[in-house]
Amino acid sequence: MPRSVLVTGGNRGIGLAIARSLAEAGDTVAVTCRTDPPEGLLAVRCDVTDPAQVDEAVTEVERVQGPVEVLVANAGMTKDQLLLRMTEEDFTSVLDTNLTGVFRVVKRAARGMVRARGGRIVLISSAVALRGETGQANYAAAKAGLIGFARSLARELGPRAVTVNVVSPGLTHTAMIAGLSQGRQAAILADTPLGRLARPEEVAAAVRFLASPEAGFITGAVLPVDGGAAMGH
């Protein structure tokens, strides 16, 4: 039976690769986006910093394809800056999207999972959460917060057979890396044992596994897809 899947920020990059992968596996997939809805998938407009939009988006997904059985919280943003130059808004806006936004979406979508006594939640963190990165104190703080959030929810929702896991990608070949200088990219790759960028499809494969029936006894886990960049952290 196809499951009802929601991928936030699923209109490009890693999110789109995840949405396509789950659709290819036979699931019915919806994505949230603020602009540029992708072809072939149900797209609902949603800014995860707005609780009302989150509620409306999940309600629409439930109306069209049924209660969400698999949630992938991928929507995110960066506002990179060295700490002493980082404004309060640079910090709080990144946390509001990348951490509090996940709280909003998970809280709303988890209602149906608890009622159904089953579901899969996968949060997209980052290798930066574990190893840190110059100029990304805001992003690293938000992505690290997702790990504690996921593990707390794994304990809360486990009795209802809802698993909560984290996928932690390294530097991935998407439009998001455009803001990094060639020198910074080279330095990150030099510190990555496999010596290359991740492909969005490789991150999607990890999510697809954690969302699968075969992963039913895995919860509270952090699965790195980073070429070894955060190994040992």
Protein backbone atom coordinates (compact mmCIF):
# COMPACT_ATOMS: atom_id res chain seq x y z
CA MET A 1 0.00 0.00 0.00
CA PRO A 2 1.35 3.46 -0.87
CA ARG A 3 2.03 5.57 2.19
CA SER A 4 1.25 9.27 2.56
CA VAL A 5 4.62 11.07 2.65
CA LEU A 6 5.45 14.73 3.29
CA VAL A 7 8.89 16.20 2.56
CA THR A 8 9.43 19.80 3.65
CA GLY A 9 11.59 21.88 1.36
CA GLY A 10 11.12 19.18 -1.26
CA ASN A 11 11.25 21.31 -4.38
CA ARG A 12 15.01 21.23 -4.99
CA GLY A 13 18.34 19.76 -3.95
CA ILE A 14 18.36 17.09 -1.27
CA GLY A 15 14.65 17.49 -0.55
CA LEU A 16 13.65 16.89 -4.16
CA ALA A 17 15.95 13.85 -4.40
CA ILE A 18 14.30 12.42 -1.27
CA ALA A 19 10.80 13.09 -2.60
CA ARG A 20 11.60 11.47 -5.96
CA SER A 21 13.20 8.45 -4.29
CA LEU A 22 10.20 7.79 -2.05
CA ALA A 23 7.81 8.27 -4.97
CA GLU A 24 9.82 5.77 -7.03
CA ALA A 25 9.47 3.32 -4.11
CA GLY A 26 5.70 3.53 -4.51
CA ASP A 27 4.72 6.12 -1.91
CA THR A 28 2.38 9.06 -2.50
CA VAL A 29 4.57 12.09 -1.90
CA ALA A 30 3.78 15.74 -1.18
CA VAL A 31 6.34 18.50 -0.75
CA THR A 32 6.26 21.90 0.86
CA CYS A 33 7.89 24.84 -0.87
CA ARG A 34 7.79 28.60 -0.84
CA THR A 35 8.50 28.98 -4.58
CA ASP A 36 9.05 26.86 -7.71
CA PRO A 37 6.83 23.80 -7.11
CA PRO A 38 8.28 20.66 -8.74
CA GLU A 39 6.46 18.77 -11.46
CA GLY A 40 4.83 15.42 -10.75
CA LEU A 41 4.42 15.86 -6.99
CA LEU A 42 1.73 17.42 -4.86
CA ALA A 43 3.18 20.78 -3.80
CA VAL A 44 1.79 22.87 -0.95
CA ARG A 45 2.97 26.38 -0.20
CA CYS A 46 4.43 26.63 3.27
CA ASP A 47 6.82 28.84 5.19
CA VAL A 48 7.80 26.74 8.21
CA THR A 49 8.36 29.90 10.28
CA ASP A 50 4.59 30.53 10.18
CA PRO A 51 2.58 28.12 12.40
CA ALA A 52 -0.65 28.87 10.53
CA GLN A 53 0.92 27.97 7.17
CA VAL A 54 2.30 24.73 8.65
CA ASP A 55 -1.15 23.75 9.90
CA GLU A 56 -2.76 24.62 6.55
CA ALA A 57 -0.12 22.70 4.57
CA VAL A 58 -0.43 19.50 6.61
CA THR A 59 -4.22 19.76 6.57
CA GLU A 60 -4.15 19.99 2.75
CA VAL A 61 -1.85 16.97 2.49
CA GLU A 62 -4.15 15.01 4.79
CA ARG A 63 -7.17 16.01 2.69
CA VAL A 64 -5.59 14.94 -0.61
CA GLN A 65 -3.58 11.84 0.30
CA GLY A 66 -4.49 10.92 3.86
CA PRO A 67 -2.75 11.34 7.23
CA VAL A 68 1.02 11.70 6.96
CA GLU A 69 2.70 8.36 7.61
CA VAL A 70 6.24 9.42 6.72
CA LEU A 71 7.56 12.91 7.45
CA VAL A 72 10.94 14.11 6.23
CA ALA A 73 11.85 17.48 7.74
CA ASN A 74 14.34 18.94 5.28
CA ALA A 75 13.47 22.64 4.87
CA GLY A 76 16.40 24.83 5.86
CA MET A 77 18.40 27.96 5.18
CA THR A 78 21.81 29.49 5.85
CA LYS A 79 22.96 32.99 6.76
CA ASP A 80 26.68 32.47 7.17
CA GLN A 81 28.76 35.03 9.02
CA LEU A 82 31.55 35.13 11.57
CA LEU A 83 30.18 35.40 15.10
CA LEU A 84 31.43 38.94 15.75
CA ARG A 85 29.71 40.12 12.55
CA MET A 86 26.59 37.99 12.94
CA THR A 87 23.45 39.97 13.70
CA GLU A 88 20.77 38.82 16.09
CA GLU A 89 18.46 38.35 13.08
CA ASP A 90 21.09 36.23 11.30
CA PHE A 91 21.12 33.90 14.28
CA THR A 92 17.46 33.76 15.23
CA SER A 93 16.10 33.45 11.68
CA VAL A 94 18.26 30.41 10.97
CA LEU A 95 17.17 28.77 14.23
CA ASP A 96 13.54 29.64 13.54
CA THR A 97 13.63 27.91 10.16
CA ASN A 98 16.02 25.02 10.78
CA LEU A 99 15.04 24.06 14.34
CA THR A 100 11.79 25.67 15.45
CA GLY A 101 10.33 25.13 11.98
CA VAL A 102 11.00 21.41 12.37
CA PHE A 103 9.28 21.46 15.76
CA ARG A 104 6.18 23.02 14.15
CA VAL A 105 5.96 20.52 11.31
CA VAL A 106 6.71 17.45 13.44
CA LYS A 107 4.23 18.44 16.13
CA ARG A 108 1.45 18.90 13.56
CA ALA A 109 2.17 15.77 11.49
CA ALA A 110 2.79 13.50 14.49
CA ARG A 111 -0.83 13.76 15.63
CA GLY A 112 -1.98 11.37 12.92
CA MET A 113 0.93 9.00 13.54
CA VAL A 114 0.12 8.76 17.24
CA ARG A 115 -3.53 8.06 16.44
CA ALA A 116 -2.52 5.41 13.88
CA ARG A 117 0.07 3.92 16.24
CA GLY A 118 2.81 4.00 13.65
CA GLY A 119 4.93 6.25 11.47
CA ARG A 120 8.35 7.39 10.36
CA ILE A 121 9.97 10.75 11.05
CA VAL A 122 13.36 11.58 9.52
CA LEU A 123 15.10 14.88 10.24
CA ILE A 124 17.83 16.23 7.98
CA SER A 125 20.73 17.56 10.05
CA SER A 126 24.29 18.15 8.83
CA ALA A 127 27.87 17.04 9.45
CA VAL A 128 28.38 20.64 10.61
CA ALA A 129 26.25 19.80 13.68
CA LEU A 130 28.99 17.44 14.87
CA ARG A 131 32.21 18.97 13.58
CA GLY A 132 31.38 22.69 13.46
CA GLU A 133 32.21 25.12 10.68
CA THR A 134 33.66 28.61 10.57
CA GLY A 135 30.94 31.18 9.89
CA GLN A 136 28.10 28.74 10.61
CA ALA A 137 27.57 28.99 14.37
CA ASN A 138 23.86 29.64 13.76
CA TYR A 139 23.43 26.76 11.28
CA ALA A 140 25.50 24.34 13.39
CA ALA A 141 23.53 25.20 16.54
CA ALA A 142 20.22 24.56 14.77
CA LYS A 143 21.35 21.32 13.15
CA ALA A 144 22.86 20.04 16.41
CA GLY A 145 19.59 20.88 18.15
CA LEU A 146 17.79 18.52 15.80
CA ILE A 147 19.72 15.57 17.22
CA GLY A 148 18.59 16.21 20.79
CA PHE A 149 15.09 16.92 19.54
CA ALA A 150 14.96 13.65 17.59
CA ARG A 151 16.27 11.54 20.43
CA SER A 152 13.79 13.04 22.87
CA LEU A 153 10.95 12.34 20.44
CA ALA A 154 12.22 8.80 19.86
CA ARG A 155 11.57 8.20 23.57
CA GLU A 156 8.20 9.98 23.58
CA LEU A 157 6.81 8.43 20.40
CA GLY A 158 8.41 4.99 20.57
CA PRO A 159 5.52 3.50 22.60
CA ARG A 160 3.26 4.45 19.66
CA ALA A 161 5.54 2.67 17.16
CA VAL A 162 6.70 5.97 15.63
CA THR A 163 10.42 6.02 14.84
CA VAL A 164 12.42 9.26 14.79
CA ASN A 165 15.86 9.33 13.16
CA VAL A 166 18.37 11.81 11.77
CA VAL A 167 20.32 11.81 8.52
CA SER A 168 23.43 13.98 8.66
CA PRO A 169 24.77 14.86 5.20
CA GLY A 170 28.17 16.30 4.50
CA LEU A 171 28.85 18.86 1.79
CA THR A 172 26.44 17.90 -0.99
CA HIS A 173 26.35 18.82 -4.65
CA THR A 174 23.39 21.23 -4.62
CA ALA A 175 22.82 24.92 -5.32
CA MET A 176 23.34 25.59 -1.59
CA ILE A 177 27.13 25.24 -1.95
CA ALA A 178 27.28 28.24 -4.29
CA GLY A 179 27.88 30.51 -1.30
CA LEU A 180 31.10 28.70 -0.40
CA SER A 181 34.32 29.85 -1.99
CA GLN A 182 36.33 27.37 -4.03
CA GLY A 183 39.03 27.54 -1.36
CA ARG A 184 36.59 26.67 1.42
CA GLN A 185 35.13 23.80 -0.60
CA ALA A 186 38.61 22.47 -1.25
CA ALA A 187 39.47 22.66 2.44
CA ILE A 188 36.33 20.72 3.40
CA LEU A 189 37.03 18.06 0.76
CA ALA A 190 40.62 17.77 1.99
CA ASP A 191 39.20 16.91 5.42
CA THR A 192 36.79 14.33 3.96
CA PRO A 193 38.28 10.82 3.74
CA LEU A 194 36.36 9.98 0.56
CA GLY A 195 37.51 13.25 -0.96
CA ARG A 196 34.36 14.27 -2.82
CA LEU A 197 30.93 15.85 -2.44
CA ALA A 198 27.89 13.76 -1.63
CA ARG A 199 25.26 13.33 -4.31
CA PRO A 200 21.68 14.20 -3.32
CA GLU A 201 20.64 10.70 -4.35
CA GLU A 202 23.01 9.20 -1.77
CA VAL A 203 21.36 11.21 1.00
CA ALA A 204 17.96 10.18 -0.35
CA ALA A 205 18.92 6.51 -0.19
CA ALA A 206 19.68 6.82 3.53
CA VAL A 207 16.34 8.51 4.16
CA ARG A 208 14.52 5.90 2.11
CA PHE A 209 16.04 3.15 4.25
CA LEU A 210 15.14 4.81 7.57
CA ALA A 211 11.59 5.35 6.27
CA SER A 212 11.26 1.71 5.19
CA PRO A 213 9.60 -1.20 7.01
CA GLU A 214 13.05 -2.80 7.31
CA ALA A 215 14.11 0.04 9.64
CA GLY A 216 11.29 -0.57 12.08
CA PHE A 217 13.61 -1.25 15.03
CA ILE A 218 15.87 1.78 14.42
CA THR A 219 15.02 4.95 16.31
CA GLY A 220 17.04 7.78 17.83
CA ALA A 221 19.85 7.09 15.36
CA VAL A 222 22.08 9.58 13.54
CA LEU A 223 23.13 8.27 10.13
CA PRO A 224 26.04 10.23 8.59
CA VAL A 225 26.21 10.53 4.81
CA ASP A 226 29.34 12.65 4.80
CA GLY A 227 32.22 10.64 3.37
CA GLY A 228 33.69 10.39 6.87
CA ALA A 229 33.96 14.17 7.38
CA ALA A 230 32.49 14.12 10.89
CA MET A 231 33.92 10.74 11.84
CA GLY A 232 34.79 10.55 15.54
CA HIS A 233 32.75 13.61 16.51
